[in-house]
PDB file of N, CA and C in Angstrom:
ATOM      1  N   UNK A   1      -8.244 -16.042 -11.158  1.00  0.00           N
ATOM      2  CA  UNK A   1      -6.804 -15.628 -11.146  1.00  0.00           C
ATOM      3  C   UNK A   1      -6.786 -14.140 -10.807  1.00  0.00           C
ATOM      4  N   UNK A   2      -6.202 -13.831  -9.717  1.00  0.00           N
ATOM      5  CA  UNK A   2      -6.096 -12.459  -9.230  1.00  0.00           C
ATOM      6  C   UNK A   2      -4.707 -11.907  -9.542  1.00  0.00           C
ATOM      7  N   UNK A   3      -4.662 -10.704 -10.003  1.00  0.00           N
ATOM      8  CA  UNK A   3      -3.423 -10.017 -10.253  1.00  0.00           C
ATOM      9  C   UNK A   3      -3.495  -8.621  -9.619  1.00  0.00           C
ATOM     10  N   UNK A   4      -2.436  -8.280  -8.957  1.00  0.00           N
ATOM     11  CA  UNK A   4      -2.270  -6.934  -8.393  1.00  0.00           C
ATOM     12  C   UNK A   4      -1.127  -6.227  -9.037  1.00  0.00           C
ATOM     13  N   UNK A   5      -1.354  -5.024  -9.492  1.00  0.00           N
ATOM     14  CA  UNK A   5      -0.288  -4.222 -10.133  1.00  0.00           C
ATOM     15  C   UNK A   5      -0.169  -2.940  -9.332  1.00  0.00           C
ATOM     16  N   UNK A   6       0.972  -2.809  -8.645  1.00  0.00           N
ATOM     17  CA  UNK A   6       1.164  -1.585  -7.895  1.00  0.00           C
ATOM     18  C   UNK A   6       2.196  -0.681  -8.605  1.00  0.00           C
ATOM     19  N   UNK A   7       2.072   0.569  -8.349  1.00  0.00           N
ATOM     20  CA  UNK A   7       2.897   1.518  -9.054  1.00  0.00           C
ATOM     21  C   UNK A   7       2.913   2.859  -8.251  1.00  0.00           C
ATOM     22  N   UNK A   8       3.708   3.777  -8.689  1.00  0.00           N
ATOM     23  CA  UNK A   8       3.769   5.112  -8.152  1.00  0.00           C
ATOM     24  C   UNK A   8       5.004   5.398  -7.308  1.00  0.00           C
ATOM     25  N   UNK A   9       5.851   4.430  -7.058  1.00  0.00           N
ATOM     26  CA  UNK A   9       7.038   4.663  -6.312  1.00  0.00           C
ATOM     27  C   UNK A   9       8.022   5.548  -7.019  1.00  0.00           C
ATOM     28  N   UNK A  10       8.990   5.975  -6.290  1.00  0.00           N
ATOM     29  CA  UNK A  10      10.030   6.851  -6.874  1.00  0.00           C
ATOM     30  C   UNK A  10      10.956   7.377  -5.830  1.00  0.00           C
ATOM     31  N   UNK A  11      11.725   8.320  -6.258  1.00  0.00           N
ATOM     32  CA  UNK A  11      12.740   8.954  -5.367  1.00  0.00           C
ATOM     33  C   UNK A  11      12.255  10.345  -5.001  1.00  0.00           C
ATOM     34  N   UNK A  12      12.166  10.587  -3.695  1.00  0.00           N
ATOM     35  CA  UNK A  12      11.717  11.850  -3.206  1.00  0.00           C
ATOM     36  C   UNK A  12      12.548  12.337  -2.065  1.00  0.00           C
ATOM     37  N   UNK A  13      12.593  13.652  -1.849  1.00  0.00           N
ATOM     38  CA  UNK A  13      13.317  14.181  -0.702  1.00  0.00           C
ATOM     39  C   UNK A  13      12.477  14.122   0.557  1.00  0.00           C
ATOM     40  N   UNK A  14      13.136  14.050   1.679  1.00  0.00           N
ATOM     41  CA  UNK A  14      12.400  14.079   2.938  1.00  0.00           C
ATOM     42  C   UNK A  14      11.504  15.281   3.028  1.00  0.00           C
ATOM     43  N   UNK A  15      10.262  15.049   3.534  1.00  0.00           N
ATOM     44  CA  UNK A  15       9.267  16.063   3.553  1.00  0.00           C
ATOM     45  C   UNK A  15       8.370  16.106   2.326  1.00  0.00           C
ATOM     46  N   UNK A  16       8.738  15.362   1.290  1.00  0.00           N
ATOM     47  CA  UNK A  16       7.966  15.353   0.081  1.00  0.00           C
ATOM     48  C   UNK A  16       6.800  14.388   0.172  1.00  0.00           C
ATOM     49  N   UNK A  17       6.079  14.290  -0.964  1.00  0.00           N
ATOM     50  CA  UNK A  17       4.886  13.431  -1.043  1.00  0.00           C
ATOM     51  C   UNK A  17       4.964  12.538  -2.209  1.00  0.00           C
ATOM     52  N   UNK A  18       4.182  11.430  -2.123  1.00  0.00           N
ATOM     53  CA  UNK A  18       4.156  10.459  -3.158  1.00  0.00           C
ATOM     54  C   UNK A  18       2.796   9.766  -3.067  1.00  0.00           C
ATOM     55  N   UNK A  19       2.268   9.291  -4.228  1.00  0.00           N
ATOM     56  CA  UNK A  19       0.992   8.631  -4.258  1.00  0.00           C
ATOM     57  C   UNK A  19       1.168   7.271  -4.950  1.00  0.00           C
ATOM     58  N   UNK A  20       0.925   6.241  -4.230  1.00  0.00           N
ATOM     59  CA  UNK A  20       0.956   4.902  -4.767  1.00  0.00           C
ATOM     60  C   UNK A  20      -0.407   4.404  -5.211  1.00  0.00           C
ATOM     61  N   UNK A  21      -0.445   3.573  -6.212  1.00  0.00           N
ATOM     62  CA  UNK A  21      -1.672   3.021  -6.734  1.00  0.00           C
ATOM     63  C   UNK A  21      -1.559   1.531  -6.871  1.00  0.00           C
ATOM     64  N   UNK A  22      -2.635   0.773  -6.695  1.00  0.00           N
ATOM     65  CA  UNK A  22      -2.662  -0.660  -6.877  1.00  0.00           C
ATOM     66  C   UNK A  22      -4.012  -1.031  -7.494  1.00  0.00           C
ATOM     67  N   UNK A  23      -3.936  -1.612  -8.642  1.00  0.00           N
ATOM     68  CA  UNK A  23      -5.150  -2.104  -9.314  1.00  0.00           C
ATOM     69  C   UNK A  23      -5.229  -3.640  -9.262  1.00  0.00           C
ATOM     70  N   UNK A  24      -6.327  -4.128  -8.736  1.00  0.00           N
ATOM     71  CA  UNK A  24      -6.626  -5.535  -8.659  1.00  0.00           C
ATOM     72  C   UNK A  24      -7.521  -5.976  -9.763  1.00  0.00           C
ATOM     73  N   UNK A  25      -7.189  -7.115 -10.402  1.00  0.00           N
ATOM     74  CA  UNK A  25      -7.965  -7.599 -11.483  1.00  0.00           C
ATOM     75  C   UNK A  25      -8.212  -9.094 -11.271  1.00  0.00           C
ATOM     76  N   UNK A  26      -9.198  -9.660 -11.939  1.00  0.00           N
ATOM     77  CA  UNK A  26      -9.548 -11.040 -11.787  1.00  0.00           C
ATOM     78  C   UNK A  26     -10.817 -11.195 -10.983  1.00  0.00           C
ATOM     79  N   UNK A  27     -11.015 -12.369 -10.442  1.00  0.00           N
ATOM     80  CA  UNK A  27     -12.173 -12.652  -9.619  1.00  0.00           C
ATOM     81  C   UNK A  27     -11.892 -12.320  -8.150  1.00  0.00           C
ATOM     82  N   UNK A  28     -12.454 -11.204  -7.740  1.00  0.00           N
ATOM     83  CA  UNK A  28     -12.278 -10.680  -6.367  1.00  0.00           C
ATOM     84  C   UNK A  28     -13.435 -11.053  -5.466  1.00  0.00           C
ATOM     85  N   UNK A  29     -13.204 -11.959  -4.571  1.00  0.00           N
ATOM     86  CA  UNK A  29     -14.302 -12.374  -3.686  1.00  0.00           C
ATOM     87  C   UNK A  29     -14.546 -11.444  -2.535  1.00  0.00           C
ATOM     88  N   UNK A  30     -15.720 -11.441  -2.051  1.00  0.00           N
ATOM     89  CA  UNK A  30     -16.095 -10.661  -0.881  1.00  0.00           C
ATOM     90  C   UNK A  30     -16.353 -11.606   0.300  1.00  0.00           C
ATOM     91  N   UNK A  31     -16.116 -11.176   1.493  1.00  0.00           N
ATOM     92  CA  UNK A  31     -15.473  -9.899   1.867  1.00  0.00           C
ATOM     93  C   UNK A  31     -13.950  -9.922   1.613  1.00  0.00           C
ATOM     94  N   UNK A  32     -13.383  -8.796   1.585  1.00  0.00           N
ATOM     95  CA  UNK A  32     -11.937  -8.735   1.385  1.00  0.00           C
ATOM     96  C   UNK A  32     -11.345  -7.467   1.991  1.00  0.00           C
ATOM     97  N   UNK A  33     -10.057  -7.462   2.084  1.00  0.00           N
ATOM     98  CA  UNK A  33      -9.316  -6.268   2.523  1.00  0.00           C
ATOM     99  C   UNK A  33      -8.127  -6.071   1.596  1.00  0.00           C
ATOM    100  N   UNK A  34      -7.833  -4.849   1.347  1.00  0.00           N
ATOM    101  CA  UNK A  34      -6.627  -4.509   0.551  1.00  0.00           C
ATOM    102  C   UNK A  34      -5.768  -3.576   1.382  1.00  0.00           C
ATOM    103  N   UNK A  35      -4.481  -3.610   1.085  1.00  0.00           N
ATOM    104  CA  UNK A  35      -3.639  -2.765   1.864  1.00  0.00           C
ATOM    105  C   UNK A  35      -2.229  -2.664   1.277  1.00  0.00           C
ATOM    106  N   UNK A  36      -1.442  -1.943   2.026  1.00  0.00           N
ATOM    107  CA  UNK A  36      -0.033  -1.767   1.676  1.00  0.00           C
ATOM    108  C   UNK A  36       0.867  -2.280   2.752  1.00  0.00           C
ATOM    109  N   UNK A  37       1.904  -2.968   2.357  1.00  0.00           N
ATOM    110  CA  UNK A  37       2.972  -3.376   3.246  1.00  0.00           C
ATOM    111  C   UNK A  37       4.269  -2.878   2.668  1.00  0.00           C
ATOM    112  N   UNK A  38       5.288  -2.770   3.534  1.00  0.00           N
ATOM    113  CA  UNK A  38       6.572  -2.345   2.991  1.00  0.00           C
ATOM    114  C   UNK A  38       7.668  -3.191   3.627  1.00  0.00           C
ATOM    115  N   UNK A  39       8.790  -3.221   2.950  1.00  0.00           N
ATOM    116  CA  UNK A  39       9.927  -3.992   3.412  1.00  0.00           C
ATOM    117  C   UNK A  39      11.146  -3.128   3.181  1.00  0.00           C
ATOM    118  N   UNK A  40      11.781  -2.707   4.264  1.00  0.00           N
ATOM    119  CA  UNK A  40      13.023  -2.016   4.168  1.00  0.00           C
ATOM    120  C   UNK A  40      14.205  -3.016   4.102  1.00  0.00           C
ATOM    121  N   UNK A  41      15.341  -2.578   3.645  1.00  0.00           N
ATOM    122  CA  UNK A  41      16.521  -3.476   3.533  1.00  0.00           C
ATOM    123  C   UNK A  41      16.813  -4.087   4.901  1.00  0.00           C
ATOM    124  N   UNK A  42      16.912  -5.429   4.962  1.00  0.00           N
ATOM    125  CA  UNK A  42      17.248  -6.098   6.212  1.00  0.00           C
ATOM    126  C   UNK A  42      16.065  -6.293   7.179  1.00  0.00           C
ATOM    127  N   UNK A  43      14.921  -5.785   6.802  1.00  0.00           N
ATOM    128  CA  UNK A  43      13.741  -5.828   7.717  1.00  0.00           C
ATOM    129  C   UNK A  43      12.711  -6.759   7.206  1.00  0.00           C
ATOM    130  N   UNK A  44      11.809  -7.122   8.107  1.00  0.00           N
ATOM    131  CA  UNK A  44      10.660  -7.966   7.741  1.00  0.00           C
ATOM    132  C   UNK A  44       9.586  -7.058   7.128  1.00  0.00           C
ATOM    133  N   UNK A  45       8.838  -7.664   6.234  1.00  0.00           N
ATOM    134  CA  UNK A  45       7.731  -6.953   5.630  1.00  0.00           C
ATOM    135  C   UNK A  45       6.712  -6.574   6.753  1.00  0.00           C
ATOM    136  N   UNK A  46       6.297  -5.303   6.743  1.00  0.00           N
ATOM    137  CA  UNK A  46       5.405  -4.825   7.765  1.00  0.00           C
ATOM    138  C   UNK A  46       4.199  -4.109   7.182  1.00  0.00           C
ATOM    139  N   UNK A  47       3.132  -4.142   7.920  1.00  0.00           N
ATOM    140  CA  UNK A  47       1.895  -3.489   7.538  1.00  0.00           C
ATOM    141  C   UNK A  47       2.079  -1.957   7.550  1.00  0.00           C
ATOM    142  N   UNK A  48       1.548  -1.332   6.532  1.00  0.00           N
ATOM    143  CA  UNK A  48       1.562   0.117   6.498  1.00  0.00           C
ATOM    144  C   UNK A  48       0.083   0.625   6.708  1.00  0.00           C
ATOM    145  N   UNK A  49      -0.874   0.141   5.903  1.00  0.00           N
ATOM    146  CA  UNK A  49      -2.240   0.547   6.003  1.00  0.00           C
ATOM    147  C   UNK A  49      -3.110  -0.482   5.321  1.00  0.00           C
ATOM    148  N   UNK A  50      -4.340  -0.645   5.799  1.00  0.00           N
ATOM    149  CA  UNK A  50      -5.269  -1.514   5.141  1.00  0.00           C
ATOM    150  C   UNK A  50      -6.631  -0.838   5.097  1.00  0.00           C
ATOM    151  N   UNK A  51      -7.482  -1.294   4.141  1.00  0.00           N
ATOM    152  CA  UNK A  51      -8.842  -0.848   4.059  1.00  0.00           C
ATOM    153  C   UNK A  51      -9.689  -2.019   3.589  1.00  0.00           C
ATOM    154  N   UNK A  52     -10.806  -2.242   4.276  1.00  0.00           N
ATOM    155  CA  UNK A  52     -11.575  -3.432   3.941  1.00  0.00           C
ATOM    156  C   UNK A  52     -12.864  -3.043   3.186  1.00  0.00           C
ATOM    157  N   UNK A  53     -13.698  -4.021   2.955  1.00  0.00           N
ATOM    158  CA  UNK A  53     -14.870  -3.841   2.111  1.00  0.00           C
ATOM    159  C   UNK A  53     -15.881  -2.864   2.682  1.00  0.00           C
ATOM    160  N   UNK A  54     -15.792  -2.588   3.976  1.00  0.00           N
ATOM    161  CA  UNK A  54     -16.664  -1.671   4.630  1.00  0.00           C
ATOM    162  C   UNK A  54     -15.984  -0.295   4.847  1.00  0.00           C
ATOM    163  N   UNK A  55     -14.851  -0.113   4.238  1.00  0.00           N
ATOM    164  CA  UNK A  55     -14.081   1.103   4.313  1.00  0.00           C
ATOM    165  C   UNK A  55     -13.417   1.356   5.676  1.00  0.00           C
ATOM    166  N   UNK A  56     -13.345   0.312   6.486  1.00  0.00           N
ATOM    167  CA  UNK A  56     -12.613   0.396   7.734  1.00  0.00           C
ATOM    168  C   UNK A  56     -11.116   0.432   7.447  1.00  0.00           C
ATOM    169  N   UNK A  57     -10.442   1.401   8.011  1.00  0.00           N
ATOM    170  CA  UNK A  57      -9.004   1.533   7.757  1.00  0.00           C
ATOM    171  C   UNK A  57      -8.178   1.214   9.033  1.00  0.00           C
ATOM    172  N   UNK A  58      -6.953   0.853   8.775  1.00  0.00           N
ATOM    173  CA  UNK A  58      -6.028   0.596   9.841  1.00  0.00           C
ATOM    174  C   UNK A  58      -4.646   1.063   9.395  1.00  0.00           C
ATOM    175  N   UNK A  59      -3.919   1.761  10.295  1.00  0.00           N
ATOM    176  CA  UNK A  59      -2.644   2.303   9.969  1.00  0.00           C
ATOM    177  C   UNK A  59      -1.602   1.915  10.951  1.00  0.00           C
ATOM    178  N   UNK A  60      -0.369   1.698  10.491  1.00  0.00           N
ATOM    179  CA  UNK A  60       0.740   1.580  11.397  1.00  0.00           C
ATOM    180  C   UNK A  60       0.958   2.895  12.183  1.00  0.00           C
ATOM    181  N   UNK A  61       1.340   2.779  13.437  1.00  0.00           N
ATOM    182  CA  UNK A  61       1.532   3.983  14.225  1.00  0.00           C
ATOM    183  C   UNK A  61       2.541   4.920  13.551  1.00  0.00           C
ATOM    184  N   UNK A  62       3.527   4.384  12.872  1.00  0.00           N
ATOM    185  CA  UNK A  62       4.581   5.234  12.313  1.00  0.00           C
ATOM    186  C   UNK A  62       4.065   6.094  11.159  1.00  0.00           C
ATOM    187  N   UNK A  63       2.960   5.787  10.629  1.00  0.00           N
ATOM    188  CA  UNK A  63       2.486   6.569   9.462  1.00  0.00           C
ATOM    189  C   UNK A  63       1.190   7.346   9.708  1.00  0.00           C
ATOM    190  N   UNK A  64       0.616   7.166  10.892  1.00  0.00           N
ATOM    191  CA  UNK A  64      -0.626   7.869  11.227  1.00  0.00           C
ATOM    192  C   UNK A  64      -0.450   9.370  11.135  1.00  0.00           C
ATOM    193  N   UNK A  65      -1.379  10.015  10.527  1.00  0.00           N
ATOM    194  CA  UNK A  65      -1.331  11.470  10.316  1.00  0.00           C
ATOM    195  C   UNK A  65      -0.576  11.881   9.147  1.00  0.00           C
ATOM    196  N   UNK A  66       0.228  10.979   8.479  1.00  0.00           N
ATOM    197  CA  UNK A  66       0.969  11.314   7.338  1.00  0.00           C
ATOM    198  C   UNK A  66       0.521  10.554   6.041  1.00  0.00           C
ATOM    199  N   UNK A  67       0.024   9.355   6.234  1.00  0.00           N
ATOM    200  CA  UNK A  67      -0.390   8.559   5.116  1.00  0.00           C
ATOM    201  C   UNK A  67      -1.887   8.383   5.127  1.00  0.00           C
ATOM    202  N   UNK A  68      -2.519   8.322   3.939  1.00  0.00           N
ATOM    203  CA  UNK A  68      -3.933   8.116   3.828  1.00  0.00           C
ATOM    204  C   UNK A  68      -4.167   7.003   2.792  1.00  0.00           C
ATOM    205  N   UNK A  69      -4.917   5.973   3.219  1.00  0.00           N
ATOM    206  CA  UNK A  69      -5.273   4.942   2.254  1.00  0.00           C
ATOM    207  C   UNK A  69      -6.737   5.167   1.804  1.00  0.00           C
ATOM    208  N   UNK A  70      -6.969   4.961   0.544  1.00  0.00           N
ATOM    209  CA  UNK A  70      -8.317   5.078   0.003  1.00  0.00           C
ATOM    210  C   UNK A  70      -8.561   3.988  -0.993  1.00  0.00           C
ATOM    211  N   UNK A  71      -9.852   3.835  -1.352  1.00  0.00           N
ATOM    212  CA  UNK A  71     -10.218   2.658  -2.216  1.00  0.00           C
ATOM    213  C   UNK A  71     -11.279   3.065  -3.167  1.00  0.00           C
ATOM    214  N   UNK A  72     -11.101   2.712  -4.411  1.00  0.00           N
ATOM    215  CA  UNK A  72     -12.097   2.827  -5.444  1.00  0.00           C
ATOM    216  C   UNK A  72     -12.727   1.457  -5.546  1.00  0.00           C
ATOM    217  N   UNK A  73     -13.873   1.274  -4.942  1.00  0.00           N
ATOM    218  CA  UNK A  73     -14.492  -0.048  -4.865  1.00  0.00           C
ATOM    219  C   UNK A  73     -14.981  -0.543  -6.206  1.00  0.00           C
ATOM    220  N   UNK A  74     -15.434   0.316  -7.079  1.00  0.00           N
ATOM    221  CA  UNK A  74     -15.873  -0.049  -8.377  1.00  0.00           C
ATOM    222  C   UNK A  74     -14.754  -0.672  -9.192  1.00  0.00           C
ATOM    223  N   UNK A  75     -13.571  -0.069  -9.109  1.00  0.00           N
ATOM    224  CA  UNK A  75     -12.438  -0.549  -9.904  1.00  0.00           C
ATOM    225  C   UNK A  75     -11.456  -1.426  -9.153  1.00  0.00           C
ATOM    226  N   UNK A  76     -11.773  -1.774  -7.894  1.00  0.00           N
ATOM    227  CA  UNK A  76     -10.920  -2.555  -7.057  1.00  0.00           C
ATOM    228  C   UNK A  76      -9.462  -2.018  -7.023  1.00  0.00           C
ATOM    229  N   UNK A  77      -9.418  -0.736  -6.841  1.00  0.00           N
ATOM    230  CA  UNK A  77      -8.134  -0.020  -6.841  1.00  0.00           C
ATOM    231  C   UNK A  77      -7.943   0.686  -5.496  1.00  0.00           C
ATOM    232  N   UNK A  78      -6.770   0.604  -4.971  1.00  0.00           N
ATOM    233  CA  UNK A  78      -6.441   1.327  -3.731  1.00  0.00           C
ATOM    234  C   UNK A  78      -5.284   2.301  -4.006  1.00  0.00           C
ATOM    235  N   UNK A  79      -5.242   3.306  -3.134  1.00  0.00           N
ATOM    236  CA  UNK A  79      -4.203   4.329  -3.234  1.00  0.00           C
ATOM    237  C   UNK A  79      -3.617   4.553  -1.877  1.00  0.00           C
ATOM    238  N   UNK A  80      -2.396   5.011  -1.835  1.00  0.00           N
ATOM    239  CA  UNK A  80      -1.751   5.422  -0.626  1.00  0.00           C
ATOM    240  C   UNK A  80      -1.147   6.800  -0.865  1.00  0.00           C
ATOM    241  N   UNK A  81      -1.706   7.793  -0.247  1.00  0.00           N
ATOM    242  CA  UNK A  81      -1.170   9.145  -0.309  1.00  0.00           C
ATOM    243  C   UNK A  81      -0.209   9.295   0.863  1.00  0.00           C
ATOM    244  N   UNK A  82       1.031   9.540   0.536  1.00  0.00           N
ATOM    245  CA  UNK A  82       2.083   9.633   1.528  1.00  0.00           C
ATOM    246  C   UNK A  82       2.627  11.050   1.570  1.00  0.00           C
ATOM    247  N   UNK A  83       2.426  11.676   2.727  1.00  0.00           N
ATOM    248  CA  UNK A  83       2.883  13.068   2.936  1.00  0.00           C
ATOM    249  C   UNK A  83       3.975  13.075   3.977  1.00  0.00           C
ATOM    250  N   UNK A  84       4.768  14.140   3.933  1.00  0.00           N
ATOM    251  CA  UNK A  84       5.849  14.349   4.880  1.00  0.00           C
ATOM    252  C   UNK A  84       6.714  13.094   5.048  1.00  0.00           C
ATOM    253  N   UNK A  85       7.196  12.619   3.902  1.00  0.00           N
ATOM    254  CA  UNK A  85       7.974  11.377   3.919  1.00  0.00           C
ATOM    255  C   UNK A  85       9.270  11.553   4.662  1.00  0.00           C
ATOM    256  N   UNK A  86       9.635  10.487   5.350  1.00  0.00           N
ATOM    257  CA  UNK A  86      10.866  10.425   6.154  1.00  0.00           C
ATOM    258  C   UNK A  86      11.737   9.364   5.576  1.00  0.00           C
ATOM    259  N   UNK A  87      13.076   9.459   5.945  1.00  0.00           N
ATOM    260  CA  UNK A  87      14.019   8.456   5.480  1.00  0.00           C
ATOM    261  C   UNK A  87      13.611   7.047   5.861  1.00  0.00           C
ATOM    262  N   UNK A  88      13.022   6.868   7.032  1.00  0.00           N
ATOM    263  CA  UNK A  88      12.632   5.534   7.464  1.00  0.00           C
ATOM    264  C   UNK A  88      11.436   4.977   6.657  1.00  0.00           C
ATOM    265  N   UNK A  89      10.847   5.775   5.816  1.00  0.00           N
ATOM    266  CA  UNK A  89       9.759   5.258   4.976  1.00  0.00           C
ATOM    267  C   UNK A  89      10.318   4.547   3.714  1.00  0.00           C
ATOM    268  N   UNK A  90      11.588   4.611   3.509  1.00  0.00           N
ATOM    269  CA  UNK A  90      12.262   3.976   2.399  1.00  0.00           C
ATOM    270  C   UNK A  90      12.041   2.458   2.409  1.00  0.00           C
ATOM    271  N   UNK A  91      11.667   1.911   1.294  1.00  0.00           N
ATOM    272  CA  UNK A  91      11.512   0.487   1.199  1.00  0.00           C
ATOM    273  C   UNK A  91      10.718   0.165  -0.068  1.00  0.00           C
ATOM    274  N   UNK A  92      10.522  -1.129  -0.271  1.00  0.00           N
ATOM    275  CA  UNK A  92       9.668  -1.605  -1.320  1.00  0.00           C
ATOM    276  C   UNK A  92       8.257  -1.763  -0.765  1.00  0.00           C
ATOM    277  N   UNK A  93       7.308  -1.104  -1.407  1.00  0.00           N
ATOM    278  CA  UNK A  93       5.925  -1.160  -0.955  1.00  0.00           C
ATOM    279  C   UNK A  93       5.162  -2.177  -1.806  1.00  0.00           C
ATOM    280  N   UNK A  94       4.472  -3.056  -1.148  1.00  0.00           N
ATOM    281  CA  UNK A  94       3.773  -4.109  -1.794  1.00  0.00           C
ATOM    282  C   UNK A  94       2.246  -3.989  -1.561  1.00  0.00           C
ATOM    283  N   UNK A  95       1.480  -4.038  -2.619  1.00  0.00           N
ATOM    284  CA  UNK A  95       0.052  -4.071  -2.520  1.00  0.00           C
ATOM    285  C   UNK A  95      -0.405  -5.458  -2.085  1.00  0.00           C
ATOM    286  N   UNK A  96      -1.403  -5.547  -1.268  1.00  0.00           N
ATOM    287  CA  UNK A  96      -1.916  -6.804  -0.739  1.00  0.00           C
ATOM    288  C   UNK A  96      -3.411  -6.901  -0.843  1.00  0.00           C
ATOM    289  N   UNK A  97      -3.867  -8.088  -1.136  1.00  0.00           N
ATOM    290  CA  UNK A  97      -5.322  -8.409  -1.159  1.00  0.00           C
ATOM    291  C   UNK A  97      -5.492  -9.693  -0.337  1.00  0.00           C
ATOM    292  N   UNK A  98      -6.421  -9.610   0.641  1.00  0.00           N
ATOM    293  CA  UNK A  98      -6.797 -10.716   1.410  1.00  0.00           C
ATOM    294  C   UNK A  98      -8.332 -10.938   1.161  1.00  0.00           C
ATOM    295  N   UNK A  99      -8.621 -11.989   0.387  1.00  0.00           N
ATOM    296  CA  UNK A  99      -9.975 -12.291   0.025  1.00  0.00           C
ATOM    297  C   UNK A  99     -10.338 -13.703   0.421  1.00  0.00           C
ATOM    298  N   UNK A 100     -11.182 -13.773   1.450  1.00  0.00           N
ATOM    299  CA  UNK A 100     -11.722 -15.041   1.896  1.00  0.00           C
ATOM    300  C   UNK A 100     -10.606 -16.058   2.198  1.00  0.00           C
ATOM    301  N   UNK A 101      -9.566 -15.624   2.826  1.00  0.00           N
ATOM    302  CA  UNK A 101      -8.495 -16.520   3.192  1.00  0.00           C
ATOM    303  C   UNK A 101      -7.374 -16.649   2.170  1.00  0.00           C
ATOM    304  N   UNK A 102      -7.566 -16.120   0.991  1.00  0.00           N
ATOM    305  CA  UNK A 102      -6.536 -16.174  -0.055  1.00  0.00           C
ATOM    306  C   UNK A 102      -5.847 -14.791  -0.073  1.00  0.00           C
ATOM    307  N   UNK A 103      -4.521 -14.862  -0.092  1.00  0.00           N
ATOM    308  CA  UNK A 103      -3.682 -13.661  -0.034  1.00  0.00           C
ATOM    309  C   UNK A 103      -2.910 -13.511  -1.317  1.00  0.00           C
ATOM    310  N   UNK A 104      -2.934 -12.316  -1.835  1.00  0.00           N
ATOM    311  CA  UNK A 104      -2.223 -11.980  -3.065  1.00  0.00           C
ATOM    312  C   UNK A 104      -1.338 -10.770  -2.879  1.00  0.00           C
ATOM    313  N   UNK A 105      -0.278 -10.711  -3.657  1.00  0.00           N
ATOM    314  CA  UNK A 105       0.668  -9.605  -3.572  1.00  0.00           C
ATOM    315  C   UNK A 105       0.982  -8.994  -4.919  1.00  0.00           C
ATOM    316  N   UNK A 106       1.195  -7.718  -4.903  1.00  0.00           N
ATOM    317  CA  UNK A 106       1.677  -7.047  -6.067  1.00  0.00           C
ATOM    318  C   UNK A 106       3.205  -7.291  -6.204  1.00  0.00           C
ATOM    319  N   UNK A 107       3.770  -6.765  -7.255  1.00  0.00           N
ATOM    320  CA  UNK A 107       5.184  -7.006  -7.484  1.00  0.00           C
ATOM    321  C   UNK A 107       6.083  -6.081  -6.691  1.00  0.00           C
ATOM    322  N   UNK A 108       5.525  -5.057  -6.132  1.00  0.00           N
ATOM    323  CA  UNK A 108       6.276  -4.112  -5.318  1.00  0.00           C
ATOM    324  C   UNK A 108       6.731  -2.906  -6.115  1.00  0.00           C
ATOM    325  N   UNK A 109       6.722  -1.780  -5.458  1.00  0.00           N
ATOM    326  CA  UNK A 109       7.215  -0.522  -6.044  1.00  0.00           C
ATOM    327  C   UNK A 109       8.131   0.154  -5.071  1.00  0.00           C
ATOM    328  N   UNK A 110       9.260   0.543  -5.547  1.00  0.00           N
ATOM    329  CA  UNK A 110      10.314   1.089  -4.678  1.00  0.00           C
ATOM    330  C   UNK A 110      10.049   2.564  -4.329  1.00  0.00           C
ATOM    331  N   UNK A 111      10.142   2.819  -3.008  1.00  0.00           N
ATOM    332  CA  UNK A 111      10.017   4.217  -2.544  1.00  0.00           C
ATOM    333  C   UNK A 111      11.377   4.518  -1.815  1.00  0.00           C
ATOM    334  N   UNK A 112      12.021   5.563  -2.296  1.00  0.00           N
ATOM    335  CA  UNK A 112      13.266   5.971  -1.726  1.00  0.00           C
ATOM    336  C   UNK A 112      13.173   7.416  -1.281  1.00  0.00           C
ATOM    337  N   UNK A 113      13.449   7.651  -0.001  1.00  0.00           N
ATOM    338  CA  UNK A 113      13.362   8.999   0.559  1.00  0.00           C
ATOM    339  C   UNK A 113      14.765   9.394   0.900  1.00  0.00           C
ATOM    340  N   UNK A 114      15.245  10.510   0.342  1.00  0.00           N
ATOM    341  CA  UNK A 114      16.561  10.995   0.532  1.00  0.00           C
ATOM    342  C   UNK A 114      16.551  12.323   1.318  1.00  0.00           C
ATOM    343  N   UNK A 115      17.724  12.652   1.860  1.00  0.00           N
ATOM    344  CA  UNK A 115      17.826  13.898   2.613  1.00  0.00           C
ATOM    345  C   UNK A 115      18.360  15.037   1.689  1.00  0.00           C
TER     346      UNK A 115
END
């Protein structure tokens, strides 16, 4: 039974920074990948960034150079450091785990960027 708990969202002004965290617990099979997805109001959930068991990262073009994903492999925890936030970054951010074909989601954490 896998559980993902994501946290760290909040209200920030444009240009500000925020750090999201996601802790995975349970039986985590290898290989796997963890990442962040977000869903803005009225939009489909989209990939933000992923990091796999070999530390290979992938970023959406819209966040390259501003966001950094990292992973604590011992604790099965990932982080998303978000810098220079923009209004279009607003949305619910969901932690994701893809382990051997099984996909799990966190409950989501709200990120709101204001002007």
